[in-house]
Each structure stands twice: as structure tokens, then as C-alpha cells.
Protein backbone atom coordinates (compact mmCIF):
# COMPACT_ATOMS: atom_id res chain seq x y z
CA MET A 1 -0.18 0.27 0.14
CA ASP A 2 1.20 3.22 -1.21
CA ASP A 3 1.56 6.67 0.97
CA GLN A 4 -1.35 8.05 -1.24
CA SER A 5 -3.97 5.30 -0.77
CA ALA A 6 -3.05 5.32 3.29
CA LYS A 7 -3.21 9.22 3.08
CA LYS A 8 -6.99 8.80 1.29
CA ARG A 9 -8.50 6.41 3.74
CA THR A 10 -7.36 7.99 6.84
CA THR A 11 -9.09 11.21 5.14
CA SER A 12 -11.85 9.68 4.40
CA ASN A 13 -11.91 8.06 8.40
CA ASP A 14 -11.25 11.70 9.46
CA ASP A 15 -14.69 13.21 7.15
CA GLU A 16 -16.92 9.95 8.93
CA ARG A 17 -15.74 10.93 12.32
CA TYR A 18 -16.94 14.56 11.49
CA GLU A 19 -19.73 14.12 9.73
CA ALA A 20 -20.97 11.61 12.75
CA PHE A 21 -19.95 13.80 15.64
CA VAL A 22 -21.99 16.93 13.31
CA ARG A 23 -25.04 14.73 12.73
CA LEU A 24 -24.90 13.47 16.52
CA LEU A 25 -24.77 17.47 17.66
CA VAL A 26 -27.13 18.92 15.62
CA GLU A 27 -29.60 16.40 16.74
CA HIS A 28 -28.92 16.90 20.56
CA GLU A 29 -28.29 20.31 20.90
CA PRO A 30 -31.64 21.98 21.15
CA SER A 31 -31.98 19.37 24.05
CA VAL A 32 -28.71 20.66 25.54
CA ARG A 33 -29.99 24.54 25.29
CA SER A 34 -32.75 23.72 26.97
CA PHE A 35 -31.20 21.84 29.59
CA LEU A 36 -29.22 25.14 30.14
CA ARG A 37 -31.52 27.03 29.73
CA GLY A 38 -32.81 26.24 33.19
CA LEU A 39 -29.61 26.84 34.59
CA LEU A 40 -28.64 30.24 32.89
CA PRO A 41 -30.26 33.24 33.34
CA THR A 42 -29.60 34.55 29.83
CA TRP A 43 -29.83 32.98 26.22
CA HIS A 44 -26.53 34.64 25.70
CA GLU A 45 -24.92 32.33 28.39
CA VAL A 46 -26.62 29.80 27.19
CA GLU A 47 -25.22 30.48 23.65
CA GLU A 48 -21.84 30.66 25.27
CA VAL A 49 -21.87 27.66 27.21
CA THR A 50 -23.21 25.61 24.40
CA GLN A 51 -20.39 26.98 22.12
CA GLU A 52 -18.06 25.94 24.50
CA ALA A 53 -19.39 22.29 25.26
CA SER A 54 -19.86 21.38 21.68
CA LEU A 55 -16.02 22.13 21.27
CA ILE A 56 -15.06 20.39 24.11
CA ALA A 57 -17.13 17.50 23.02
CA TRP A 58 -15.27 17.42 19.56
CA ARG A 59 -11.48 17.43 21.75
CA LYS A 60 -13.32 14.28 23.37
CA PHE A 61 -14.79 12.62 20.62
CA ASP A 62 -12.21 9.81 20.69
CA ASP A 63 -13.21 9.27 24.18
CA PHE A 64 -16.40 8.73 23.14
CA GLU A 65 -18.06 5.14 23.37
CA ASP A 66 -20.22 4.16 20.38
CA GLY A 67 -23.53 2.46 21.37
CA THR A 68 -23.57 4.87 24.28
CA SER A 69 -26.23 8.03 24.84
CA PHE A 70 -24.33 10.51 23.15
CA GLY A 71 -27.07 12.93 24.29
CA GLY A 72 -26.54 12.18 27.41
CA TRP A 73 -22.70 12.38 27.55
CA LEU A 74 -22.83 15.99 26.41
CA LEU A 75 -25.34 16.73 28.41
CA THR A 76 -22.51 15.56 31.36
CA ILE A 77 -20.21 18.06 29.38
CA ALA A 78 -22.56 21.04 29.57
CA ARG A 79 -23.50 20.57 33.03
CA PHE A 80 -20.00 20.66 33.90
CA GLU A 81 -19.49 23.45 31.84
CA ALA A 82 -22.19 25.21 32.63
CA LEU A 83 -21.08 24.91 36.79
CA LYS A 84 -17.47 26.19 35.78
CA TYR A 85 -19.20 29.12 34.13
CA ARG A 86 -21.34 29.63 37.25
CA ARG A 87 -18.10 29.71 39.36
CA ARG A 88 -16.84 32.84 37.21
CA VAL A 89 -20.31 34.41 38.01
CA ALA A 90 -20.79 33.90 41.47
CA ARG A 91 -21.75 36.84 42.81
CA SER A 92 -24.29 37.32 40.56
CA PRO A 93 -27.87 37.86 42.27
CA LEU A 94 -29.13 35.39 39.49
CA VAL A 95 -26.92 32.04 40.52
CA PHE A 96 -29.02 29.10 42.50
CA ALA A 97 -27.45 27.55 45.13
CA ASP A 98 -25.30 24.11 44.64
CA ASP A 99 -28.21 21.92 45.75
CA VAL A 100 -30.93 23.75 43.17
CA TRP A 101 -28.29 23.31 40.52
CA ASP A 102 -27.99 19.55 41.01
CA LEU A 103 -31.35 19.01 41.37
CA LEU A 104 -32.21 21.10 38.13
CA ALA A 105 -29.29 18.95 36.06
CA GLU A 106 -30.55 15.84 37.67
CA GLU A 107 -34.16 16.54 36.53
CA SER A 108 -32.93 18.11 33.10
CA SER A 109 -30.33 14.60 32.33
CA GLY A 110 -32.62 12.88 29.94
CA GLU A 111 -34.75 13.23 26.92
CA GLU A 112 -38.14 11.36 28.47
CA VAL A 113 -37.56 13.56 31.76
CA GLN A 114 -37.08 17.03 29.63
CA GLN A 115 -40.57 16.08 28.41
CA ILE A 116 -42.44 15.21 31.59
CA ARG A 117 -40.69 17.88 33.21
CA ARG A 118 -41.64 20.46 30.36
CA ARG A 119 -45.18 18.83 30.55
CA HIS A 120 -45.33 19.86 34.55
CA LEU A 121 -43.44 23.01 34.19
CA GLU A 122 -46.57 23.76 31.83
CA ALA A 123 -48.59 22.71 34.18
CA CYS A 124 -46.54 24.95 37.03
CA LEU A 125 -46.48 28.21 34.86
CA GLY A 126 -50.23 27.61 34.18
CA LYS A 127 -50.95 27.62 38.16
CA LEU A 128 -49.23 31.65 38.38
CA GLU A 129 -51.21 34.63 38.18
CA ARG A 130 -50.79 35.66 34.56
CA SER A 131 -49.04 38.58 35.27
CA LYS A 132 -46.29 37.12 37.17
CA ARG A 133 -46.56 34.27 34.19
CA GLU A 134 -46.24 36.61 31.63
CA LEU A 135 -43.39 38.36 33.44
CA LEU A 136 -41.46 34.97 34.10
CA LEU A 137 -42.09 34.13 30.64
CA ASN A 138 -40.91 37.55 29.46
CA VAL A 139 -37.35 37.52 31.15
CA HIS A 140 -36.82 33.97 29.56
CA SER A 141 -37.77 34.76 25.67
CA PRO A 142 -34.64 34.68 23.19
CA GLY A 143 -32.46 38.23 23.15
CA VAL A 144 -33.79 39.21 26.24
CA ILE A 145 -31.92 41.12 28.69
CA MET A 146 -32.98 41.50 32.55
CA ARG A 147 -31.35 44.46 33.32
CA GLU A 148 -33.45 46.14 30.62
CA VAL A 149 -36.65 44.37 31.79
CA ALA A 150 -35.85 45.53 35.07
CA LEU A 151 -35.60 49.25 34.48
CA GLN A 152 -38.30 48.63 31.68
CA SER A 153 -40.79 47.57 34.81
CA GLY A 154 -39.53 50.44 37.00
CA LYS A 155 -38.18 48.40 39.99
CA SER A 156 -34.52 48.16 40.73
CA GLU A 157 -32.26 45.53 39.14
CA GLN A 158 -31.84 43.81 42.80
CA ALA A 159 -36.03 44.20 43.73
CA PHE A 160 -36.46 42.92 40.10
CA TYR A 161 -33.93 40.12 40.54
CA LYS A 162 -35.31 38.88 43.96
CA ILE A 163 -39.02 38.77 42.12
CA ILE A 164 -37.65 36.56 39.45
CA GLN A 165 -35.96 34.33 41.56
CA ARG A 166 -39.04 33.87 44.15
CA LEU A 167 -41.04 33.28 40.72
CA ARG A 168 -38.47 30.32 40.00
CA ALA A 169 -38.83 29.27 43.32
CA VAL A 170 -42.23 28.71 43.22
CA VAL A 171 -42.03 27.26 39.65
CA LEU A 172 -39.12 24.34 40.91
CA VAL A 173 -41.04 23.40 44.02
CA CYS A 174 -44.46 22.87 42.16
CA VAL A 175 -42.27 21.20 39.72
CA THR A 176 -40.62 19.15 42.34
CA LYS A 177 -43.72 18.25 43.75
CA ALA A 178 -45.53 17.33 40.54
CA LEU A 179 -42.22 15.06 39.27
CA ALA A 180 -42.08 13.32 43.14
CA ALA A 181 -45.89 12.72 42.50
CA GLU A 182 -45.91 11.03 39.41
CA ASN A 183 -42.74 8.77 40.93
CA ALA A 184 -44.51 7.65 43.74
């Protein structure tokens, strides 16, 4: 076998490996974004952490075992990247406590669990007063910057963040209870 044939085969294998990675990434990236949106306060941060997790997954793709869950593997990487990001912004009033992060991460880690959690989340949001539900959904919309919404609401940033934290806590407790009741 000559060097040219070996080079073509290596290039072909690299192309196939790259295509397999991209195919898996495109398939699972929406669930990673959804998972991260539950952990991070803005879509900008979700994008940043998603990009970093994708790069790390590509670098470690040789370590990925065929036949295992790529989605689960990618979510694990994303979770660690979100935790790293969280450490960098730990002084922000929007950061969840460690136990809340762990709970959100555990509950978000499977596609089926995500669907169940999403169903309960919608039900719990439906239980909120209309104005509170709209406020919470508004700050979780793509491209929204909470500081700007706080200014528009006429409240101080800190007061606004506390309102959002309380609403998130109410929804989290509701979802947690609903999940516990379903698993009982």
C-alpha cells in the first residue's frame, strides 16, 4: 500500500468521524440548550456555554464510546461547563444555590425526563397569576436582557432579580412536587 492510499483512507475516516459528530451534535444540541436554559439566566449565556461544551465534546469525541448515549454524554459536558461558568459569575444575584443546580441538572438529564419536566413546568406556569407568568416567560425569552426588563418595570435591578428568583423558586417547588408525585 502506498502513502497516497493510506492518506486517502485516513482522510475518509476523518471525514466520516467529523460527519458523525456533526450529525449527533445537531440532533442533541436543542436538548442541551433547553437543559442549559434551566440553569443560566440569559440566552447569551446559554449560547456561550453551549458553544464551549460543543468544542470540548469535539476535542473528546475520540473518548466517546459508540453505542452509548451521545445526548447524555453531551449533557454531562454541558453541565460541567455550566458549573464552570457559574463559578465565574458567582457574585451575581441570579445564581442558584448548589443544591438547586444539582436538582435542575439531574431532572434535566434525559430526553424523556425533559419531556415530563416540560409538561409539569407548563402546568406549574399555568397555576401562576397571569401577570407573574407573563413576567417570568418574558425574562426567559430569547435575546431578553434582564437588566433592561428590570428598568422597564420601574423596579431596581436587585428588587427585580428577587422577584424573578421567588417566581423561579415557586415554579421549581411546584415542578419538584409534581415529579415526586408522579414517581411515587
